[in-house]
C-alpha atoms as a PDB file:
ATOM      1  CA  UNK A   1      25.294 -42.333   0.912  1.00  0.00           C
ATOM      2  CA  UNK A   2      25.197 -39.472  -1.983  1.00  0.00           C
ATOM      3  CA  UNK A   3      28.155 -37.270  -1.805  1.00  0.00           C
ATOM      4  CA  UNK A   4      27.167 -33.472  -2.585  1.00  0.00           C
ATOM      5  CA  UNK A   5      30.598 -32.056  -2.140  1.00  0.00           C
ATOM      6  CA  UNK A   6      30.980 -31.724  -5.787  1.00  0.00           C
ATOM      7  CA  UNK A   7      27.414 -30.839  -6.763  1.00  0.00           C
ATOM      8  CA  UNK A   8      27.173 -27.541  -8.836  1.00  0.00           C
ATOM      9  CA  UNK A   9      24.804 -25.754  -6.546  1.00  0.00           C
ATOM     10  CA  UNK A  10      27.562 -26.420  -3.669  1.00  0.00           C
ATOM     11  CA  UNK A  11      30.495 -25.123  -5.483  1.00  0.00           C
ATOM     12  CA  UNK A  12      31.528 -21.601  -4.883  1.00  0.00           C
ATOM     13  CA  UNK A  13      30.967 -19.245  -7.834  1.00  0.00           C
ATOM     14  CA  UNK A  14      33.895 -17.968  -9.816  1.00  0.00           C
ATOM     15  CA  UNK A  15      35.248 -14.468  -9.990  1.00  0.00           C
ATOM     16  CA  UNK A  16      33.471 -14.023 -13.320  1.00  0.00           C
ATOM     17  CA  UNK A  17      30.215 -15.307 -11.954  1.00  0.00           C
ATOM     18  CA  UNK A  18      30.313 -12.952  -8.983  1.00  0.00           C
ATOM     19  CA  UNK A  19      31.221 -10.084 -11.417  1.00  0.00           C
ATOM     20  CA  UNK A  20      28.284 -10.590 -13.631  1.00  0.00           C
ATOM     21  CA  UNK A  21      26.032 -11.003 -10.705  1.00  0.00           C
ATOM     22  CA  UNK A  22      27.168  -7.713  -9.059  1.00  0.00           C
ATOM     23  CA  UNK A  23      26.843  -5.945 -12.417  1.00  0.00           C
ATOM     24  CA  UNK A  24      23.305  -7.293 -13.067  1.00  0.00           C
ATOM     25  CA  UNK A  25      22.429  -6.270  -9.400  1.00  0.00           C
ATOM     26  CA  UNK A  26      23.981  -2.933  -9.876  1.00  0.00           C
ATOM     27  CA  UNK A  27      21.993  -2.172 -13.163  1.00  0.00           C
ATOM     28  CA  UNK A  28      18.642  -3.356 -11.595  1.00  0.00           C
ATOM     29  CA  UNK A  29      19.485  -1.005  -8.501  1.00  0.00           C
ATOM     30  CA  UNK A  30      20.308   1.912 -10.631  1.00  0.00           C
ATOM     31  CA  UNK A  31      17.120   1.477 -12.674  1.00  0.00           C
ATOM     32  CA  UNK A  32      14.938   1.340  -9.439  1.00  0.00           C
ATOM     33  CA  UNK A  33      16.703   4.336  -7.597  1.00  0.00           C
ATOM     34  CA  UNK A  34      17.044   6.510 -10.752  1.00  0.00           C
ATOM     35  CA  UNK A  35      13.237   7.651 -10.631  1.00  0.00           C
ATOM     36  CA  UNK A  36      13.226   8.284  -7.044  1.00  0.00           C
ATOM     37  CA  UNK A  37      16.298  10.547  -7.222  1.00  0.00           C
ATOM     38  CA  UNK A  38      15.121  12.395 -10.219  1.00  0.00           C
ATOM     39  CA  UNK A  39      11.577  13.147  -8.539  1.00  0.00           C
ATOM     40  CA  UNK A  40      13.443  14.082  -5.332  1.00  0.00           C
ATOM     41  CA  UNK A  41      16.044  16.224  -6.936  1.00  0.00           C
ATOM     42  CA  UNK A  42      13.417  18.115  -9.259  1.00  0.00           C
ATOM     43  CA  UNK A  43      11.260  18.775  -6.257  1.00  0.00           C
ATOM     44  CA  UNK A  44      14.038  20.720  -4.784  1.00  0.00           C
ATOM     45  CA  UNK A  45      15.287  22.634  -8.060  1.00  0.00           C
ATOM     46  CA  UNK A  46      14.733  26.311  -8.907  1.00  0.00           C
ATOM     47  CA  UNK A  47      13.468  27.309 -12.256  1.00  0.00           C
ATOM     48  CA  UNK A  48      17.360  27.816 -13.435  1.00  0.00           C
ATOM     49  CA  UNK A  49      18.046  24.283 -12.542  1.00  0.00           C
ATOM     50  CA  UNK A  50      14.840  22.807 -14.358  1.00  0.00           C
ATOM     51  CA  UNK A  51      15.908  25.029 -17.497  1.00  0.00           C
ATOM     52  CA  UNK A  52      19.384  23.973 -17.447  1.00  0.00           C
ATOM     53  CA  UNK A  53      18.578  20.274 -17.183  1.00  0.00           C
ATOM     54  CA  UNK A  54      15.583  20.325 -19.629  1.00  0.00           C
ATOM     55  CA  UNK A  55      13.061  19.594 -16.914  1.00  0.00           C
ATOM     56  CA  UNK A  56      14.424  16.461 -15.177  1.00  0.00           C
ATOM     57  CA  UNK A  57      17.083  17.475 -12.481  1.00  0.00           C
ATOM     58  CA  UNK A  58      19.444  14.696 -11.041  1.00  0.00           C
ATOM     59  CA  UNK A  59      21.294  17.126  -8.866  1.00  0.00           C
ATOM     60  CA  UNK A  60      20.030  20.719  -8.216  1.00  0.00           C
ATOM     61  CA  UNK A  61      22.676  23.436  -8.230  1.00  0.00           C
ATOM     62  CA  UNK A  62      20.439  25.628  -5.867  1.00  0.00           C
ATOM     63  CA  UNK A  63      18.349  23.164  -3.831  1.00  0.00           C
ATOM     64  CA  UNK A  64      15.401  24.978  -2.278  1.00  0.00           C
ATOM     65  CA  UNK A  65      12.245  23.889  -0.272  1.00  0.00           C
ATOM     66  CA  UNK A  66      10.105  26.657  -1.951  1.00  0.00           C
ATOM     67  CA  UNK A  67       8.068  23.967  -3.884  1.00  0.00           C
ATOM     68  CA  UNK A  68       7.010  22.300  -0.734  1.00  0.00           C
ATOM     69  CA  UNK A  69       6.144  25.498   1.177  1.00  0.00           C
ATOM     70  CA  UNK A  70       4.049  26.387  -1.694  1.00  0.00           C
ATOM     71  CA  UNK A  71       1.880  23.174  -1.811  1.00  0.00           C
ATOM     72  CA  UNK A  72       1.699  23.158   1.940  1.00  0.00           C
ATOM     73  CA  UNK A  73       0.484  26.598   2.249  1.00  0.00           C
ATOM     74  CA  UNK A  74      -2.298  26.439  -0.249  1.00  0.00           C
ATOM     75  CA  UNK A  75      -4.052  23.956   2.099  1.00  0.00           C
ATOM     76  CA  UNK A  76      -5.370  21.559  -0.806  1.00  0.00           C
ATOM     77  CA  UNK A  77      -2.457  19.185  -0.322  1.00  0.00           C
ATOM     78  CA  UNK A  78      -2.607  19.380   3.579  1.00  0.00           C
ATOM     79  CA  UNK A  79      -6.226  18.547   3.567  1.00  0.00           C
ATOM     80  CA  UNK A  80      -5.728  15.778   1.131  1.00  0.00           C
ATOM     81  CA  UNK A  81      -3.145  14.202   3.117  1.00  0.00           C
ATOM     82  CA  UNK A  82      -5.233  14.405   6.209  1.00  0.00           C
ATOM     83  CA  UNK A  83      -8.153  12.706   4.289  1.00  0.00           C
ATOM     84  CA  UNK A  84      -5.887   9.971   2.887  1.00  0.00           C
ATOM     85  CA  UNK A  85      -4.380   9.189   6.313  1.00  0.00           C
ATOM     86  CA  UNK A  86      -7.837   9.078   7.797  1.00  0.00           C
ATOM     87  CA  UNK A  87      -9.247   6.621   5.250  1.00  0.00           C
ATOM     88  CA  UNK A  88      -6.246   4.644   5.102  1.00  0.00           C
ATOM     89  CA  UNK A  89      -6.145   4.249   9.207  1.00  0.00           C
ATOM     90  CA  UNK A  90      -9.855   3.553   9.463  1.00  0.00           C
ATOM     91  CA  UNK A  91      -9.991   1.227   6.434  1.00  0.00           C
ATOM     92  CA  UNK A  92      -7.013  -0.806   7.396  1.00  0.00           C
ATOM     93  CA  UNK A  93      -8.210  -1.343  10.964  1.00  0.00           C
ATOM     94  CA  UNK A  94     -11.927  -2.420   9.613  1.00  0.00           C
ATOM     95  CA  UNK A  95     -10.552  -4.665   6.962  1.00  0.00           C
ATOM     96  CA  UNK A  96      -8.363  -6.163   9.185  1.00  0.00           C
ATOM     97  CA  UNK A  97     -10.700  -6.896  11.864  1.00  0.00           C
ATOM     98  CA  UNK A  98     -13.232  -8.361   9.330  1.00  0.00           C
ATOM     99  CA  UNK A  99     -10.674 -10.236   7.426  1.00  0.00           C
ATOM    100  CA  UNK A 100      -9.207 -11.995  10.563  1.00  0.00           C
ATOM    101  CA  UNK A 101     -12.647 -12.757  11.736  1.00  0.00           C
ATOM    102  CA  UNK A 102     -13.634 -14.594   8.546  1.00  0.00           C
ATOM    103  CA  UNK A 103     -10.507 -16.212   7.988  1.00  0.00           C
ATOM    104  CA  UNK A 104     -10.551 -17.552  11.375  1.00  0.00           C
ATOM    105  CA  UNK A 105     -13.854 -19.064  10.838  1.00  0.00           C
ATOM    106  CA  UNK A 106     -12.986 -20.512   7.694  1.00  0.00           C
ATOM    107  CA  UNK A 107     -10.024 -22.133   9.173  1.00  0.00           C
ATOM    108  CA  UNK A 108     -12.102 -23.739  12.032  1.00  0.00           C
ATOM    109  CA  UNK A 109     -14.092 -27.053  11.423  1.00  0.00           C
ATOM    110  CA  UNK A 110     -17.612 -25.442  11.210  1.00  0.00           C
ATOM    111  CA  UNK A 111     -20.629 -26.617   9.389  1.00  0.00           C
ATOM    112  CA  UNK A 112     -20.926 -24.821   6.061  1.00  0.00           C
ATOM    113  CA  UNK A 113     -17.314 -23.920   5.984  1.00  0.00           C
ATOM    114  CA  UNK A 114     -16.757 -25.247   2.495  1.00  0.00           C
ATOM    115  CA  UNK A 115     -19.708 -23.188   1.235  1.00  0.00           C
ATOM    116  CA  UNK A 116     -18.444 -20.011   2.768  1.00  0.00           C
ATOM    117  CA  UNK A 117     -14.859 -20.737   1.277  1.00  0.00           C
ATOM    118  CA  UNK A 118     -16.444 -21.145  -2.037  1.00  0.00           C
ATOM    119  CA  UNK A 119     -18.197 -17.928  -1.933  1.00  0.00           C
ATOM    120  CA  UNK A 120     -14.971 -15.965  -1.066  1.00  0.00           C
ATOM    121  CA  UNK A 121     -13.052 -17.802  -3.984  1.00  0.00           C
ATOM    122  CA  UNK A 122     -15.904 -16.942  -6.351  1.00  0.00           C
ATOM    123  CA  UNK A 123     -15.118 -13.279  -5.815  1.00  0.00           C
ATOM    124  CA  UNK A 124     -11.402 -13.881  -7.039  1.00  0.00           C
ATOM    125  CA  UNK A 125     -12.731 -14.858 -10.471  1.00  0.00           C
ATOM    126  CA  UNK A 126     -15.903 -12.887 -11.018  1.00  0.00           C
ATOM    127  CA  UNK A 127     -16.000  -9.085 -10.497  1.00  0.00           C
ATOM    128  CA  UNK A 128     -19.006  -6.799 -10.581  1.00  0.00           C
ATOM    129  CA  UNK A 129     -18.948  -4.260 -13.081  1.00  0.00           C
ATOM    130  CA  UNK A 130     -18.278  -0.258 -12.377  1.00  0.00           C
ATOM    131  CA  UNK A 131     -21.903   0.460 -13.174  1.00  0.00           C
ATOM    132  CA  UNK A 132     -23.338  -2.272 -10.465  1.00  0.00           C
ATOM    133  CA  UNK A 133     -20.901  -1.031  -7.973  1.00  0.00           C
ATOM    134  CA  UNK A 134     -21.823   2.582  -8.723  1.00  0.00           C
ATOM    135  CA  UNK A 135     -25.715   1.749  -8.333  1.00  0.00           C
ATOM    136  CA  UNK A 136     -25.115  -0.127  -5.331  1.00  0.00           C
ATOM    137  CA  UNK A 137     -23.077   2.603  -3.342  1.00  0.00           C
ATOM    138  CA  UNK A 138     -25.919   5.020  -4.501  1.00  0.00           C
ATOM    139  CA  UNK A 139     -28.717   2.706  -3.325  1.00  0.00           C
ATOM    140  CA  UNK A 140     -26.799   2.528   0.055  1.00  0.00           C
ATOM    141  CA  UNK A 141     -26.629   6.170   0.328  1.00  0.00           C
ATOM    142  CA  UNK A 142     -22.792   6.297   0.550  1.00  0.00           C
ATOM    143  CA  UNK A 143     -22.207   8.721  -2.403  1.00  0.00           C
ATOM    144  CA  UNK A 144     -20.044  11.791  -1.415  1.00  0.00           C
ATOM    145  CA  UNK A 145     -19.137  10.206   1.861  1.00  0.00           C
ATOM    146  CA  UNK A 146     -15.764   8.407   3.002  1.00  0.00           C
ATOM    147  CA  UNK A 147     -17.608   5.333   3.628  1.00  0.00           C
ATOM    148  CA  UNK A 148     -17.710   4.741   0.013  1.00  0.00           C
ATOM    149  CA  UNK A 149     -13.987   4.548  -0.009  1.00  0.00           C
ATOM    150  CA  UNK A 150     -13.927   1.729   2.634  1.00  0.00           C
ATOM    151  CA  UNK A 151     -17.168  -0.412   2.577  1.00  0.00           C
ATOM    152  CA  UNK A 152     -16.983  -1.471  -1.209  1.00  0.00           C
ATOM    153  CA  UNK A 153     -13.284  -2.701  -0.782  1.00  0.00           C
ATOM    154  CA  UNK A 154     -13.450  -3.760   2.972  1.00  0.00           C
ATOM    155  CA  UNK A 155     -12.615  -7.493   2.200  1.00  0.00           C
ATOM    156  CA  UNK A 156     -10.034  -8.814  -0.278  1.00  0.00           C
ATOM    157  CA  UNK A 157     -10.468 -12.426  -0.903  1.00  0.00           C
ATOM    158  CA  UNK A 158      -6.718 -13.101  -1.515  1.00  0.00           C
ATOM    159  CA  UNK A 159      -5.674 -11.395   1.789  1.00  0.00           C
ATOM    160  CA  UNK A 160      -8.495 -13.699   3.569  1.00  0.00           C
ATOM    161  CA  UNK A 161      -7.158 -16.849   1.817  1.00  0.00           C
ATOM    162  CA  UNK A 162      -3.736 -15.951   3.091  1.00  0.00           C
ATOM    163  CA  UNK A 163      -4.855 -15.549   6.700  1.00  0.00           C
ATOM    164  CA  UNK A 164      -6.826 -18.718   6.635  1.00  0.00           C
ATOM    165  CA  UNK A 165      -4.057 -20.852   5.290  1.00  0.00           C
ATOM    166  CA  UNK A 166      -1.883 -19.384   8.086  1.00  0.00           C
ATOM    167  CA  UNK A 167      -4.266 -20.140  10.679  1.00  0.00           C
ATOM    168  CA  UNK A 168      -4.786 -23.690   9.502  1.00  0.00           C
ATOM    169  CA  UNK A 169      -0.908 -24.093  10.074  1.00  0.00           C
ATOM    170  CA  UNK A 170      -1.157 -23.260  13.753  1.00  0.00           C
ATOM    171  CA  UNK A 171      -1.077 -26.661  15.736  1.00  0.00           C
ATOM    172  CA  UNK A 172      -4.492 -27.728  16.663  1.00  0.00           C
ATOM    173  CA  UNK A 173      -3.038 -29.043  20.083  1.00  0.00           C
ATOM    174  CA  UNK A 174      -2.792 -25.329  21.051  1.00  0.00           C
ATOM    175  CA  UNK A 175      -6.276 -24.650  20.357  1.00  0.00           C
ATOM    176  CA  UNK A 176      -7.382 -27.944  21.946  1.00  0.00           C
ATOM    177  CA  UNK A 177      -5.582 -27.252  25.138  1.00  0.00           C
ATOM    178  CA  UNK A 178      -7.142 -23.654  25.372  1.00  0.00           C
ATOM    179  CA  UNK A 179     -10.545 -25.076  25.103  1.00  0.00           C
ATOM    180  CA  UNK A 180      -9.881 -27.680  27.823  1.00  0.00           C
ATOM    181  CA  UNK A 181      -8.907 -24.786  30.011  1.00  0.00           C
ATOM    182  CA  UNK A 182     -12.175 -23.288  29.263  1.00  0.00           C
ATOM    183  CA  UNK A 183     -11.453 -20.689  26.596  1.00  0.00           C
ATOM    184  CA  UNK A 184     -13.877 -19.691  23.995  1.00  0.00           C
ATOM    185  CA  UNK A 185     -13.291 -18.791  20.364  1.00  0.00           C
ATOM    186  CA  UNK A 186     -12.939 -15.287  20.752  1.00  0.00           C
ATOM    187  CA  UNK A 187     -10.144 -15.851  23.723  1.00  0.00           C
ATOM    188  CA  UNK A 188      -8.491 -18.316  21.536  1.00  0.00           C
ATOM    189  CA  UNK A 189      -8.356 -15.897  18.589  1.00  0.00           C
ATOM    190  CA  UNK A 190      -7.027 -13.153  20.644  1.00  0.00           C
ATOM    191  CA  UNK A 191      -4.832 -14.856  23.115  1.00  0.00           C
ATOM    192  CA  UNK A 192      -3.331 -17.515  21.071  1.00  0.00           C
ATOM    193  CA  UNK A 193      -4.007 -17.204  17.392  1.00  0.00           C
ATOM    194  CA  UNK A 194      -3.176 -13.586  16.884  1.00  0.00           C
ATOM    195  CA  UNK A 195       0.197 -13.508  18.914  1.00  0.00           C
ATOM    196  CA  UNK A 196       1.471 -16.315  16.716  1.00  0.00           C
ATOM    197  CA  UNK A 197       0.373 -14.655  13.433  1.00  0.00           C
ATOM    198  CA  UNK A 198       2.233 -11.208  13.906  1.00  0.00           C
ATOM    199  CA  UNK A 199       4.125 -11.930  10.646  1.00  0.00           C
ATOM    200  CA  UNK A 200       1.064 -12.361   8.453  1.00  0.00           C
ATOM    201  CA  UNK A 201      -1.034  -9.761  10.090  1.00  0.00           C
ATOM    202  CA  UNK A 202       1.669  -7.166   9.326  1.00  0.00           C
ATOM    203  CA  UNK A 203       1.996  -8.216   5.715  1.00  0.00           C
ATOM    204  CA  UNK A 204      -1.752  -8.183   5.005  1.00  0.00           C
ATOM    205  CA  UNK A 205      -2.072  -4.848   7.215  1.00  0.00           C
ATOM    206  CA  UNK A 206       0.571  -3.363   4.681  1.00  0.00           C
ATOM    207  CA  UNK A 207      -1.412  -4.784   1.588  1.00  0.00           C
ATOM    208  CA  UNK A 208      -4.608  -2.984   2.791  1.00  0.00           C
ATOM    209  CA  UNK A 209      -2.855   0.270   3.927  1.00  0.00           C
ATOM    210  CA  UNK A 210      -1.194   0.360   0.438  1.00  0.00           C
ATOM    211  CA  UNK A 211      -4.431  -0.309  -1.538  1.00  0.00           C
ATOM    212  CA  UNK A 212      -6.323   2.270   0.631  1.00  0.00           C
ATOM    213  CA  UNK A 213      -3.413   4.925   0.349  1.00  0.00           C
ATOM    214  CA  UNK A 214      -3.206   4.624  -3.599  1.00  0.00           C
ATOM    215  CA  UNK A 215      -6.988   4.194  -4.549  1.00  0.00           C
ATOM    216  CA  UNK A 216      -8.152   7.192  -6.584  1.00  0.00           C
ATOM    217  CA  UNK A 217     -10.508   5.451  -8.600  1.00  0.00           C
ATOM    218  CA  UNK A 218     -13.488   4.771  -6.017  1.00  0.00           C
ATOM    219  CA  UNK A 219     -12.877   8.478  -4.954  1.00  0.00           C
ATOM    220  CA  UNK A 220     -13.161   9.702  -8.644  1.00  0.00           C
ATOM    221  CA  UNK A 221     -16.558   7.657  -8.860  1.00  0.00           C
ATOM    222  CA  UNK A 222     -17.980   8.285  -5.589  1.00  0.00           C
ATOM    223  CA  UNK A 223     -16.944  11.725  -4.284  1.00  0.00           C
ATOM    224  CA  UNK A 224     -18.194  14.931  -6.490  1.00  0.00           C
ATOM    225  CA  UNK A 225     -16.937  17.574  -4.010  1.00  0.00           C
ATOM    226  CA  UNK A 226     -13.110  18.166  -4.560  1.00  0.00           C
ATOM    227  CA  UNK A 227     -12.741  19.532  -1.224  1.00  0.00           C
ATOM    228  CA  UNK A 228     -13.416  15.958   0.149  1.00  0.00           C
ATOM    229  CA  UNK A 229     -10.793  14.211  -2.354  1.00  0.00           C
ATOM    230  CA  UNK A 230      -7.845  12.154  -1.005  1.00  0.00           C
ATOM    231  CA  UNK A 231      -4.392  12.707  -1.840  1.00  0.00           C
ATOM    232  CA  UNK A 232      -4.271  10.064  -4.902  1.00  0.00           C
ATOM    233  CA  UNK A 233      -7.039  12.067  -6.740  1.00  0.00           C
ATOM    234  CA  UNK A 234      -5.332  15.509  -5.995  1.00  0.00           C
ATOM    235  CA  UNK A 235      -1.992  13.982  -7.239  1.00  0.00           C
ATOM    236  CA  UNK A 236      -3.688  13.133 -10.490  1.00  0.00           C
ATOM    237  CA  UNK A 237      -5.477  16.475 -10.951  1.00  0.00           C
ATOM    238  CA  UNK A 238      -2.229  18.574 -10.141  1.00  0.00           C
ATOM    239  CA  UNK A 239       0.297  16.112 -11.709  1.00  0.00           C
ATOM    240  CA  UNK A 240      -1.119  14.248 -14.663  1.00  0.00           C
ATOM    241  CA  UNK A 241      -3.780  16.899 -15.878  1.00  0.00           C
ATOM    242  CA  UNK A 242      -1.523  19.757 -14.863  1.00  0.00           C
ATOM    243  CA  UNK A 243      -3.729  21.887 -12.827  1.00  0.00           C
ATOM    244  CA  UNK A 244      -2.409  24.743 -10.865  1.00  0.00           C
ATOM    245  CA  UNK A 245      -2.264  24.699  -7.031  1.00  0.00           C
ATOM    246  CA  UNK A 246      -3.707  27.677  -5.192  1.00  0.00           C
ATOM    247  CA  UNK A 247      -0.745  28.456  -3.328  1.00  0.00           C
ATOM    248  CA  UNK A 248       1.319  28.603  -6.520  1.00  0.00           C
ATOM    249  CA  UNK A 249      -0.413  31.687  -7.538  1.00  0.00           C
ATOM    250  CA  UNK A 250       0.056  33.567  -4.098  1.00  0.00           C
ATOM    251  CA  UNK A 251       3.491  34.970  -4.708  1.00  0.00           C
ATOM    252  CA  UNK A 252       4.284  38.623  -5.111  1.00  0.00           C
ATOM    253  CA  UNK A 253       5.810  40.667  -7.950  1.00  0.00           C
ATOM    254  CA  UNK A 254       9.247  40.553  -6.697  1.00  0.00           C
ATOM    255  CA  UNK A 255       9.024  36.759  -5.657  1.00  0.00           C
ATOM    256  CA  UNK A 256       9.682  34.131  -8.216  1.00  0.00           C
ATOM    257  CA  UNK A 257       7.358  30.980  -7.969  1.00  0.00           C
ATOM    258  CA  UNK A 258       8.848  27.702  -8.036  1.00  0.00           C
ATOM    259  CA  UNK A 259       8.754  26.042 -11.434  1.00  0.00           C
ATOM    260  CA  UNK A 260       5.698  23.655 -12.120  1.00  0.00           C
ATOM    261  CA  UNK A 261       7.794  20.487 -12.369  1.00  0.00           C
ATOM    262  CA  UNK A 262       9.249  21.111  -8.980  1.00  0.00           C
ATOM    263  CA  UNK A 263       5.729  21.541  -7.462  1.00  0.00           C
ATOM    264  CA  UNK A 264       4.271  18.555  -9.361  1.00  0.00           C
ATOM    265  CA  UNK A 265       7.253  16.472  -8.190  1.00  0.00           C
ATOM    266  CA  UNK A 266       6.900  17.700  -4.423  1.00  0.00           C
ATOM    267  CA  UNK A 267       3.369  16.379  -4.475  1.00  0.00           C
ATOM    268  CA  UNK A 268       4.624  12.896  -5.799  1.00  0.00           C
ATOM    269  CA  UNK A 269       7.272  12.925  -2.956  1.00  0.00           C
ATOM    270  CA  UNK A 270       4.542  13.761  -0.296  1.00  0.00           C
ATOM    271  CA  UNK A 271       2.376  10.854  -1.787  1.00  0.00           C
ATOM    272  CA  UNK A 272       5.335   8.464  -1.610  1.00  0.00           C
ATOM    273  CA  UNK A 273       6.896   9.077   1.543  1.00  0.00           C
ATOM    274  CA  UNK A 274       4.442   7.551   3.991  1.00  0.00           C
ATOM    275  CA  UNK A 275       4.645   3.974   2.565  1.00  0.00           C
ATOM    276  CA  UNK A 276       8.563   4.412   2.045  1.00  0.00           C
ATOM    277  CA  UNK A 277       8.650   4.930   5.859  1.00  0.00           C
ATOM    278  CA  UNK A 278       6.310   2.109   6.742  1.00  0.00           C
ATOM    279  CA  UNK A 279       7.812  -0.512   4.514  1.00  0.00           C
ATOM    280  CA  UNK A 280      11.165  -1.050   5.739  1.00  0.00           C
ATOM    281  CA  UNK A 281       9.765  -1.695   9.144  1.00  0.00           C
ATOM    282  CA  UNK A 282       7.663  -4.570   7.709  1.00  0.00           C
ATOM    283  CA  UNK A 283       9.803  -5.875   5.095  1.00  0.00           C
ATOM    284  CA  UNK A 284      11.167  -8.621   7.235  1.00  0.00           C
ATOM    285  CA  UNK A 285       7.751 -10.088   7.613  1.00  0.00           C
ATOM    286  CA  UNK A 286       7.057 -10.625   4.130  1.00  0.00           C
ATOM    287  CA  UNK A 287       8.563 -14.061   3.448  1.00  0.00           C
ATOM    288  CA  UNK A 288       7.382 -15.420   6.791  1.00  0.00           C
ATOM    289  CA  UNK A 289       3.951 -13.939   6.429  1.00  0.00           C
ATOM    290  CA  UNK A 290       3.123 -14.667   2.900  1.00  0.00           C
ATOM    291  CA  UNK A 291       4.970 -17.761   2.242  1.00  0.00           C
ATOM    292  CA  UNK A 292       4.258 -19.741   5.423  1.00  0.00           C
ATOM    293  CA  UNK A 293       0.571 -18.909   4.989  1.00  0.00           C
ATOM    294  CA  UNK A 294       0.656 -20.582   1.298  1.00  0.00           C
ATOM    295  CA  UNK A 295       2.766 -23.602   1.735  1.00  0.00           C
ATOM    296  CA  UNK A 296       0.015 -25.823   3.112  1.00  0.00           C
ATOM    297  CA  UNK A 297      -3.645 -26.268   2.146  1.00  0.00           C
END
């Protein structure tokens, strides 16, 4: 019998090792949190705070919500948020429905399964160019419609593979017993497979939601009317290109408008908040959902 009592990975770390680990973790944590603090603090800063800190504020001396009031009263950001929420919600639901159906079909012993699987894998290595994509969307009559933000990216091959591998790890005995009781494929999928796959479904849904929420390139290509733009494209216009928000010009003579840096950072905060609110609730599913679906093949 092998004695592992003295193995290096069993011994308790020394005080120096623990101190080094703590120091490294603290540095990494500060590097991750620092940008969020700077963005949030700058969005709450006044003109005097921005000037005193050289444009990047870590602790506003006179915190105010004027920058948020400005961008929300203008209507541009509010409408863009509604568009992004709509596209993200509808797109995620449709992508999950199609991906689950395709992954479940690829996980069952059906005729032609290998051929369909090769087609899915083919899309992981070979991507169509921008011009063929644009011509296809134009030919289908999807230009200047929100369908152009969903249909071209409806299925992600990587997510389908993760779902397929997870479905294949579910014991076949459960499926066979359901078939003996007279259940069909749809009943087995809804009543047996999906309840056992909550972890991987939550992870894949988050992947799709983040992709839809942050996707600005398709909107840049397919939406010519700026009034239909989602939040990422508006964020690019007003933060990166430095355009002025309509609400920022509506202040009177005696009223000092918030600084441009505060308005830009407020737009960034509004764009980031939804993902930050959703992620903590799904974080516990990441290890279970992704790794368990990728261990076996």
